[in-house]
C-alpha atoms as a PDB file:
ATOM      1  CA  MET A   1     117.110  84.216  62.814  1.00  0.00           C
ATOM      2  CA  HIS A   2     117.465  87.198  65.235  1.00  0.00           C
ATOM      3  CA  PHE A   3     116.453  87.407  68.879  1.00  0.00           C
ATOM      4  CA  ALA A   4     116.237  90.902  70.433  1.00  0.00           C
ATOM      5  CA  GLY A   5     115.550  92.244  73.922  1.00  0.00           C
ATOM      6  CA  VAL A   6     113.758  95.569  74.715  1.00  0.00           C
ATOM      7  CA  ASP A   7     113.947  96.741  78.245  1.00  0.00           C
ATOM      8  CA  LEU A   8     111.121  99.542  77.341  1.00  0.00           C
ATOM      9  CA  ALA A   9     111.008 102.550  79.614  1.00  0.00           C
ATOM     10  CA  TRP A  10     107.152 103.010  80.654  1.00  0.00           C
ATOM     11  CA  ALA A  11     107.839 106.780  80.579  1.00  0.00           C
ATOM     12  CA  GLY A  12     109.264 108.086  77.171  1.00  0.00           C
ATOM     13  CA  ARG A  13     111.794 110.295  78.862  1.00  0.00           C
ATOM     14  CA  ASN A  14     113.716 107.385  80.419  1.00  0.00           C
ATOM     15  CA  PRO A  15     116.145 105.352  78.516  1.00  0.00           C
ATOM     16  CA  THR A  16     115.417 102.086  76.899  1.00  0.00           C
ATOM     17  CA  GLY A  17     117.774  99.210  76.623  1.00  0.00           C
ATOM     18  CA  ILE A  18     118.238  97.296  73.343  1.00  0.00           C
ATOM     19  CA  ALA A  19     120.033  93.980  72.716  1.00  0.00           C
ATOM     20  CA  VAL A  20     120.274  91.803  69.588  1.00  0.00           C
ATOM     21  CA  LEU A  21     121.415  88.037  69.247  1.00  0.00           C
ATOM     22  CA  ASP A  22     121.975  86.288  66.296  1.00  0.00           C
ATOM     23  CA  ASP A  23     120.920  82.550  65.751  1.00  0.00           C
ATOM     24  CA  ASP A  24     123.740  81.198  67.591  1.00  0.00           C
ATOM     25  CA  GLY A  25     123.321  83.272  70.577  1.00  0.00           C
ATOM     26  CA  VAL A  26     126.082  85.723  69.758  1.00  0.00           C
ATOM     27  CA  LEU A  27     125.633  89.292  70.937  1.00  0.00           C
ATOM     28  CA  LEU A  28     125.515  91.697  68.050  1.00  0.00           C
ATOM     29  CA  ARG A  29     124.353  94.962  69.491  1.00  0.00           C
ATOM     30  CA  VAL A  30     123.579  96.396  73.105  1.00  0.00           C
ATOM     31  CA  CYS A  31     122.727 100.028  73.774  1.00  0.00           C
ATOM     32  CA  ALA A  32     120.181 102.249  75.308  1.00  0.00           C
ATOM     33  CA  VAL A  33     118.069 104.902  73.560  1.00  0.00           C
ATOM     34  CA  ARG A  34     115.141 107.087  74.487  1.00  0.00           C
ATOM     35  CA  ALA A  35     112.846 108.091  71.673  1.00  0.00           C
ATOM     36  CA  ASP A  36     110.680 105.491  69.786  1.00  0.00           C
ATOM     37  CA  ALA A  37     112.318 106.535  66.262  1.00  0.00           C
ATOM     38  CA  SER A  38     115.650 105.517  67.904  1.00  0.00           C
ATOM     39  CA  VAL A  39     114.357 102.041  69.106  1.00  0.00           C
ATOM     40  CA  LEU A  40     113.211 101.301  65.533  1.00  0.00           C
ATOM     41  CA  SER A  41     116.364 102.531  63.866  1.00  0.00           C
ATOM     42  CA  VAL A  42     118.431 100.320  66.149  1.00  0.00           C
ATOM     43  CA  LEU A  43     116.160  97.132  65.647  1.00  0.00           C
ATOM     44  CA  ARG A  44     115.310  97.295  62.018  1.00  0.00           C
ATOM     45  CA  PRO A  45     118.592  96.450  60.462  1.00  0.00           C
ATOM     46  CA  TYR A  46     118.326  92.954  62.368  1.00  0.00           C
ATOM     47  CA  LEU A  47     114.767  92.362  61.703  1.00  0.00           C
ATOM     48  CA  HIS A  48     114.405  91.797  58.025  1.00  0.00           C
ATOM     49  CA  SER A  49     113.371  88.138  58.278  1.00  0.00           C
ATOM     50  CA  ASP A  50     112.633  85.707  60.997  1.00  0.00           C
ATOM     51  CA  CYS A  51     112.822  87.126  64.665  1.00  0.00           C
ATOM     52  CA  VAL A  52     111.537  87.196  68.061  1.00  0.00           C
ATOM     53  CA  VAL A  53     111.613  90.371  70.172  1.00  0.00           C
ATOM     54  CA  ALA A  54     111.131  90.228  73.906  1.00  0.00           C
ATOM     55  CA  PHE A  55     109.831  93.390  75.447  1.00  0.00           C
ATOM     56  CA  ASP A  56     109.982  93.979  79.143  1.00  0.00           C
ATOM     57  CA  ALA A  57     106.865  96.005  79.040  1.00  0.00           C
ATOM     58  CA  PRO A  58     103.112  95.052  78.413  1.00  0.00           C
ATOM     59  CA  LEU A  59     101.804  94.284  74.804  1.00  0.00           C
ATOM     60  CA  VAL A  60      98.276  93.902  75.784  1.00  0.00           C
ATOM     61  CA  VAL A  61      96.338  95.729  78.672  1.00  0.00           C
ATOM     62  CA  THR A  62      92.637  95.608  78.814  1.00  0.00           C
ATOM     63  CA  ASN A  63      91.707  95.408  82.624  1.00  0.00           C
ATOM     64  CA  PRO A  64      90.485  99.025  83.925  1.00  0.00           C
ATOM     65  CA  THR A  65      91.891  98.548  87.246  1.00  0.00           C
ATOM     66  CA  GLY A  66      94.120  96.309  89.235  1.00  0.00           C
ATOM     67  CA  GLN A  67      96.412  93.773  87.634  1.00  0.00           C
ATOM     68  CA  ARG A  68      96.287  91.516  84.655  1.00  0.00           C
ATOM     69  CA  PRO A  69      95.591  87.818  84.996  1.00  0.00           C
ATOM     70  CA  ALA A  70      98.957  87.297  83.896  1.00  0.00           C
ATOM     71  CA  GLU A  71     100.583  89.494  86.657  1.00  0.00           C
ATOM     72  CA  ALA A  72      98.419  87.784  89.198  1.00  0.00           C
ATOM     73  CA  ALA A  73      99.519  84.383  88.020  1.00  0.00           C
ATOM     74  CA  LEU A  74     103.167  85.130  87.749  1.00  0.00           C
ATOM     75  CA  ASN A  75     103.190  86.748  91.321  1.00  0.00           C
ATOM     76  CA  ARG A  76     101.615  83.627  92.800  1.00  0.00           C
ATOM     77  CA  ASP A  77     104.979  81.757  91.710  1.00  0.00           C
ATOM     78  CA  PHE A  78     107.547  84.579  92.006  1.00  0.00           C
ATOM     79  CA  HIS A  79     106.312  86.962  94.704  1.00  0.00           C
ATOM     80  CA  ARG A  80     108.159  84.969  97.523  1.00  0.00           C
ATOM     81  CA  PHE A  81     111.272  85.378  95.472  1.00  0.00           C
ATOM     82  CA  GLN A  82     110.659  89.154  95.572  1.00  0.00           C
ATOM     83  CA  ALA A  83     110.203  88.897  91.679  1.00  0.00           C
ATOM     84  CA  GLY A  84     106.532  89.857  91.476  1.00  0.00           C
ATOM     85  CA  ALA A  85     105.424  91.971  88.499  1.00  0.00           C
ATOM     86  CA  TYR A  86     104.036  95.540  88.741  1.00  0.00           C
ATOM     87  CA  PRO A  87     100.167  95.873  87.961  1.00  0.00           C
ATOM     88  CA  SER A  88      99.253  97.206  84.592  1.00  0.00           C
ATOM     89  CA  ASN A  89      95.807  98.624  83.820  1.00  0.00           C
ATOM     90  CA  THR A  90      94.014 101.114  81.475  1.00  0.00           C
ATOM     91  CA  ALA A  91      93.649 103.666  84.403  1.00  0.00           C
ATOM     92  CA  ARG A  92      97.511 104.098  84.042  1.00  0.00           C
ATOM     93  CA  PRO A  93      98.072 106.886  81.569  1.00  0.00           C
ATOM     94  CA  GLU A  94     100.892 104.846  79.722  1.00  0.00           C
ATOM     95  CA  PHE A  95      98.043 102.001  79.133  1.00  0.00           C
ATOM     96  CA  ALA A  96      95.053 104.191  78.557  1.00  0.00           C
ATOM     97  CA  GLY A  97      95.533 103.398  74.736  1.00  0.00           C
ATOM     98  CA  VAL A  98      97.595 101.240  72.651  1.00  0.00           C
ATOM     99  CA  PRO A  99     100.759 100.179  74.999  1.00  0.00           C
ATOM    100  CA  ARG A 100     103.945 101.520  73.745  1.00  0.00           C
ATOM    101  CA  ALA A 101     105.341  98.040  73.456  1.00  0.00           C
ATOM    102  CA  ALA A 102     102.268  97.225  71.069  1.00  0.00           C
ATOM    103  CA  GLN A 103     103.180 100.395  68.845  1.00  0.00           C
ATOM    104  CA  LEU A 104     106.626  99.378  68.419  1.00  0.00           C
ATOM    105  CA  ALA A 105     105.872  95.845  67.621  1.00  0.00           C
ATOM    106  CA  ARG A 106     103.382  97.026  65.037  1.00  0.00           C
ATOM    107  CA  ALA A 107     105.671  99.401  63.563  1.00  0.00           C
ATOM    108  CA  LEU A 108     108.183  96.451  63.181  1.00  0.00           C
ATOM    109  CA  ASN A 109     105.669  94.289  61.410  1.00  0.00           C
ATOM    110  CA  LEU A 110     105.636  91.786  64.395  1.00  0.00           C
ATOM    111  CA  ASP A 111     102.894  89.398  65.278  1.00  0.00           C
ATOM    112  CA  VAL A 112     101.278  90.570  68.643  1.00  0.00           C
ATOM    113  CA  ASP A 113      97.864  88.985  68.608  1.00  0.00           C
ATOM    114  CA  SER A 114      99.373  85.221  68.687  1.00  0.00           C
ATOM    115  CA  HIS A 115     102.742  86.395  69.697  1.00  0.00           C
ATOM    116  CA  SER A 116     103.217  83.665  72.367  1.00  0.00           C
ATOM    117  CA  ASP A 117     101.122  80.692  71.228  1.00  0.00           C
ATOM    118  CA  PRO A 118     103.320  77.655  71.670  1.00  0.00           C
ATOM    119  CA  GLY A 119     102.177  76.207  68.498  1.00  0.00           C
ATOM    120  CA  SER A 120     102.120  79.295  66.360  1.00  0.00           C
ATOM    121  CA  SER A 121     103.795  79.171  62.953  1.00  0.00           C
ATOM    122  CA  THR A 122     104.580  82.872  63.094  1.00  0.00           C
ATOM    123  CA  THR A 123     107.932  83.697  62.133  1.00  0.00           C
ATOM    124  CA  ARG A 124     107.922  87.243  63.204  1.00  0.00           C
ATOM    125  CA  ARG A 125     106.844  87.416  66.895  1.00  0.00           C
ATOM    126  CA  ALA A 126     106.726  89.996  69.910  1.00  0.00           C
ATOM    127  CA  ILE A 127     106.482  88.404  73.289  1.00  0.00           C
ATOM    128  CA  GLU A 128     106.372  90.084  76.884  1.00  0.00           C
ATOM    129  CA  VAL A 129     108.987  88.933  79.318  1.00  0.00           C
ATOM    130  CA  TYR A 130     110.101  89.957  82.816  1.00  0.00           C
ATOM    131  CA  PRO A 131     113.814  89.971  83.634  1.00  0.00           C
ATOM    132  CA  HIS A 132     113.599  89.643  87.311  1.00  0.00           C
ATOM    133  CA  ALA A 133     111.583  86.337  86.976  1.00  0.00           C
ATOM    134  CA  ALA A 134     113.875  85.071  84.479  1.00  0.00           C
ATOM    135  CA  THR A 135     116.971  85.467  86.327  1.00  0.00           C
ATOM    136  CA  VAL A 136     115.637  83.966  89.241  1.00  0.00           C
ATOM    137  CA  ALA A 137     114.652  80.851  87.290  1.00  0.00           C
ATOM    138  CA  LEU A 138     117.739  80.691  85.110  1.00  0.00           C
ATOM    139  CA  LEU A 139     120.310  81.617  87.815  1.00  0.00           C
ATOM    140  CA  ARG A 140     118.654  79.677  90.587  1.00  0.00           C
ATOM    141  CA  LEU A 141     118.448  82.727  92.772  1.00  0.00           C
ATOM    142  CA  PRO A 142     116.616  82.727  96.272  1.00  0.00           C
ATOM    143  CA  CYS A 143     115.694  86.200  95.699  1.00  0.00           C
ATOM    144  CA  THR A 144     116.078  88.909  92.992  1.00  0.00           C
ATOM    145  CA  LEU A 145     119.428  90.993  92.579  1.00  0.00           C
ATOM    146  CA  LYS A 146     119.228  94.287  94.194  1.00  0.00           C
ATOM    147  CA  TYR A 147     120.927  96.511  91.334  1.00  0.00           C
ATOM    148  CA  LYS A 148     117.719  98.793  91.017  1.00  0.00           C
ATOM    149  CA  ALA A 149     118.296 102.226  92.692  1.00  0.00           C
ATOM    150  CA  LYS A 150     115.989 102.460  95.595  1.00  0.00           C
ATOM    151  CA  PRO A 151     116.238 104.249  98.821  1.00  0.00           C
ATOM    152  CA  GLY A 152     118.716 102.813 101.491  1.00  0.00           C
ATOM    153  CA  ARG A 153     120.934 101.192  98.662  1.00  0.00           C
ATOM    154  CA  ALA A 154     124.263 102.545  98.570  1.00  0.00           C
ATOM    155  CA  VAL A 155     126.381 102.781  95.322  1.00  0.00           C
ATOM    156  CA  GLY A 156     128.619  99.849  96.411  1.00  0.00           C
ATOM    157  CA  GLN A 157     125.824  97.425  96.817  1.00  0.00           C
ATOM    158  CA  LEU A 158     124.071  98.641  93.497  1.00  0.00           C
ATOM    159  CA  ARG A 159     127.377  98.029  91.693  1.00  0.00           C
ATOM    160  CA  SER A 160     128.063  94.766  93.278  1.00  0.00           C
ATOM    161  CA  GLU A 161     124.529  93.228  92.306  1.00  0.00           C
ATOM    162  CA  LEU A 162     124.774  94.710  88.944  1.00  0.00           C
ATOM    163  CA  LEU A 163     128.333  92.960  88.490  1.00  0.00           C
ATOM    164  CA  ARG A 164     126.685  89.658  89.830  1.00  0.00           C
ATOM    165  CA  LEU A 165     123.977  89.735  87.104  1.00  0.00           C
ATOM    166  CA  MET A 166     126.340  90.390  84.407  1.00  0.00           C
ATOM    167  CA  ASP A 167     128.546  87.578  85.815  1.00  0.00           C
ATOM    168  CA  GLY A 168     125.441  85.410  85.621  1.00  0.00           C
ATOM    169  CA  VAL A 169     124.773  86.473  81.875  1.00  0.00           C
ATOM    170  CA  GLU A 170     128.451  85.745  80.945  1.00  0.00           C
ATOM    171  CA  GLY A 171     127.923  82.365  82.472  1.00  0.00           C
ATOM    172  CA  TRP A 172     125.179  81.456  80.180  1.00  0.00           C
ATOM    173  CA  ALA A 173     127.868  80.944  77.445  1.00  0.00           C
ATOM    174  CA  ASN A 174     128.428  77.515  79.096  1.00  0.00           C
ATOM    175  CA  THR A 175     124.892  76.091  78.898  1.00  0.00           C
ATOM    176  CA  PRO A 176     122.873  74.243  76.508  1.00  0.00           C
ATOM    177  CA  VAL A 177     121.424  77.250  75.206  1.00  0.00           C
ATOM    178  CA  PRO A 178     124.583  79.530  74.854  1.00  0.00           C
ATOM    179  CA  LEU A 179     124.640  83.127  75.063  1.00  0.00           C
ATOM    180  CA  ARG A 180     127.960  84.629  73.842  1.00  0.00           C
ATOM    181  CA  VAL A 181     128.671  88.238  74.994  1.00  0.00           C
ATOM    182  CA  ALA A 182     132.425  87.892  75.667  1.00  0.00           C
ATOM    183  CA  GLY A 183     133.442  89.123  72.261  1.00  0.00           C
ATOM    184  CA  ASN A 184     131.210  92.082  72.044  1.00  0.00           C
ATOM    185  CA  GLU A 185     133.023  95.490  72.568  1.00  0.00           C
ATOM    186  CA  ASP A 186     129.883  97.345  73.847  1.00  0.00           C
ATOM    187  CA  TRP A 187     129.441  94.653  76.524  1.00  0.00           C
ATOM    188  CA  ALA A 188     133.074  94.933  77.601  1.00  0.00           C
ATOM    189  CA  LEU A 189     132.630  98.692  77.653  1.00  0.00           C
ATOM    190  CA  LEU A 190     129.472  98.312  79.694  1.00  0.00           C
ATOM    191  CA  ARG A 191     131.277  96.109  82.118  1.00  0.00           C
ATOM    192  CA  ARG A 192     134.049  98.456  82.619  1.00  0.00           C
ATOM    193  CA  ARG A 193     131.529 101.373  83.168  1.00  0.00           C
ATOM    194  CA  VAL A 194     129.771  99.248  85.898  1.00  0.00           C
ATOM    195  CA  ALA A 195     133.025  98.134  87.678  1.00  0.00           C
ATOM    196  CA  THR A 196     134.184 101.710  87.706  1.00  0.00           C
ATOM    197  CA  ALA A 197     130.978 103.454  88.672  1.00  0.00           C
ATOM    198  CA  THR A 198     130.953 105.848  91.676  1.00  0.00           C
ATOM    199  CA  ARG A 199     127.386 107.335  90.967  1.00  0.00           C
ATOM    200  CA  LYS A 200     124.009 106.013  90.929  1.00  0.00           C
ATOM    201  CA  CYS A 201     123.307 107.544  87.692  1.00  0.00           C
ATOM    202  CA  ASP A 202     125.973 105.688  86.049  1.00  0.00           C
ATOM    203  CA  LEU A 203     124.549 102.288  87.122  1.00  0.00           C
ATOM    204  CA  ARG A 204     121.189 103.415  86.216  1.00  0.00           C
ATOM    205  CA  ASN A 205     122.336 104.173  82.638  1.00  0.00           C
ATOM    206  CA  ALA A 206     123.890 100.531  82.435  1.00  0.00           C
ATOM    207  CA  GLU A 207     121.277  98.581  84.042  1.00  0.00           C
ATOM    208  CA  ASP A 208     118.677  98.906  80.917  1.00  0.00           C
ATOM    209  CA  PRO A 209     121.047  97.494  78.476  1.00  0.00           C
ATOM    210  CA  VAL A 210     122.037  94.608  80.726  1.00  0.00           C
ATOM    211  CA  ASP A 211     118.404  93.975  81.340  1.00  0.00           C
ATOM    212  CA  ALA A 212     117.799  94.053  77.604  1.00  0.00           C
ATOM    213  CA  VAL A 213     120.385  91.293  76.998  1.00  0.00           C
ATOM    214  CA  VAL A 214     118.461  89.115  79.663  1.00  0.00           C
ATOM    215  CA  CYS A 215     115.390  89.793  77.509  1.00  0.00           C
ATOM    216  CA  ALA A 216     117.003  88.861  74.442  1.00  0.00           C
ATOM    217  CA  TYR A 217     118.245  85.667  75.902  1.00  0.00           C
ATOM    218  CA  VAL A 218     114.731  84.760  77.095  1.00  0.00           C
ATOM    219  CA  ALA A 219     113.551  85.033  73.624  1.00  0.00           C
ATOM    220  CA  LEU A 220     116.188  82.541  72.486  1.00  0.00           C
ATOM    221  CA  TYR A 221     115.624  80.162  75.365  1.00  0.00           C
ATOM    222  CA  ALA A 222     111.897  80.189  74.591  1.00  0.00           C
ATOM    223  CA  GLU A 223     112.733  79.171  70.928  1.00  0.00           C
ATOM    224  CA  ARG A 224     115.248  76.507  71.873  1.00  0.00           C
ATOM    225  CA  ARG A 225     113.503  75.270  74.958  1.00  0.00           C
ATOM    226  CA  PRO A 226     109.833  75.503  74.703  1.00  0.00           C
ATOM    227  CA  ALA A 227     109.063  72.919  77.300  1.00  0.00           C
ATOM    228  CA  ASP A 228     110.935  74.766  79.906  1.00  0.00           C
ATOM    229  CA  ILE A 229     108.833  78.050  79.420  1.00  0.00           C
ATOM    230  CA  THR A 230     105.948  79.123  81.565  1.00  0.00           C
ATOM    231  CA  HIS A 231     103.208  81.244  79.726  1.00  0.00           C
ATOM    232  CA  TYR A 232     101.345  83.164  82.266  1.00  0.00           C
ATOM    233  CA  GLY A 233      98.068  84.795  80.954  1.00  0.00           C
ATOM    234  CA  ASP A 234      96.511  84.745  77.393  1.00  0.00           C
ATOM    235  CA  ASP A 235      96.673  86.569  74.215  1.00  0.00           C
ATOM    236  CA  ALA A 236      93.376  88.374  75.123  1.00  0.00           C
ATOM    237  CA  SER A 237      94.257  89.836  78.341  1.00  0.00           C
ATOM    238  CA  GLY A 238      98.163  89.973  78.154  1.00  0.00           C
ATOM    239  CA  ARG A 239     100.533  87.064  78.356  1.00  0.00           C
ATOM    240  CA  ILE A 240     104.001  86.953  80.151  1.00  0.00           C
ATOM    241  CA  VAL A 241     106.758  84.423  78.973  1.00  0.00           C
ATOM    242  CA  THR A 242     109.276  83.242  81.391  1.00  0.00           C
ATOM    243  CA  PRO A 243     111.629  80.319  81.992  1.00  0.00           C
ATOM    244  CA  THR A 244     109.864  77.822  84.406  1.00  0.00           C
ATOM    245  CA  LEU A 245     110.525  78.449  87.958  1.00  0.00           C
ATOM    246  CA  PRO A 246     112.373  75.263  89.170  1.00  0.00           C
ATOM    247  CA  ALA A 247     110.220  73.271  91.555  1.00  0.00           C
ATOM    248  CA  ASP A 248     113.083  72.752  93.996  1.00  0.00           C
ATOM    249  CA  LEU A 249     114.209  76.257  94.294  1.00  0.00           C
ATOM    250  CA  VAL A 250     114.026  77.828  97.733  1.00  0.00           C
ATOM    251  CA  PRO A 251     113.219  81.553  98.453  1.00  0.00           C
ATOM    252  CA  ALA A 252     115.541  83.418 100.856  1.00  0.00           C
ATOM    253  CA  ARG A 253     114.210  83.930 104.191  1.00  0.00           C
ATOM    254  CA  PRO A 254     113.222  87.488 105.158  1.00  0.00           C
ATOM    255  CA  GLY A 255     116.085  89.624 105.795  1.00  0.00           C
ATOM    256  CA  ARG A 256     118.607  87.104 104.561  1.00  0.00           C
ATOM    257  CA  VAL A 257     120.912  88.355 101.947  1.00  0.00           C
ATOM    258  CA  ALA A 258     121.145  86.047  98.819  1.00  0.00           C
ATOM    259  CA  GLY A 259     124.423  84.334  98.016  1.00  0.00           C
ATOM    260  CA  ARG A 260     126.205  84.247  94.550  1.00  0.00           C
ATOM    261  CA  PRO A 261     123.921  82.833  91.549  1.00  0.00           C
ATOM    262  CA  ALA A 262     124.206  79.040  91.181  1.00  0.00           C
ATOM    263  CA  PRO A 263     125.346  77.496  88.084  1.00  0.00           C
ATOM    264  CA  ALA A 264     122.703  78.297  85.206  1.00  0.00           C
ATOM    265  CA  ARG A 265     119.875  75.832  84.412  1.00  0.00           C
ATOM    266  CA  GLN A 266     120.993  72.857  82.335  1.00  0.00           C
END
């Protein structure tokens, strides 16, 4: 069985990160592409049989305005950790028809309609995930890591935060659901590029593949530890699958900088 992560760009001109894991959690492929044809070309060799593909993008959007029930429910838990989800609705051009993630899922012959039913026997599934929420839960972060390029964030801060995320990802090798990225040459190259980056655009090109690895790990984690997964929303209006927020996790106080990630959840 293979587990894939797709950090899908909402705008087609932006890069999409892709990662694929085997049944043992070994990273087989990590890269970034742009066109849908390229996304399909990268994924298809790994998806001939049983698989779960986790998209960081909506698969189902039916509400004409505002946010989906899944986003509202996730935000009630994760907003205080600065990990709230952006609203999706059909008034936005990218969701006016069939969402891009759903189009890709159908092209890959993945089950979308019952993609996240905990009792489903479907062996080829697409699920929607959210990396920010997943990293908060799995790394026990008091707030999200600030590796996204936004006004006021310097290159050094972005680089440091992205390296912290990569440290956390590598630390999942020593958990009950291991992720093994250490032997992958593309991951090693990605890490070197981040460590030596001097421009925001260099980091921007690296963050999507890293997020894709997180997405793929959530797919693996959900398969191995379904009792530790929370489903926000439903199949009819859209569902987000994420590792359950620890009940004892305390959010950062406003204005306080978060410390290094704690050990991954056991």
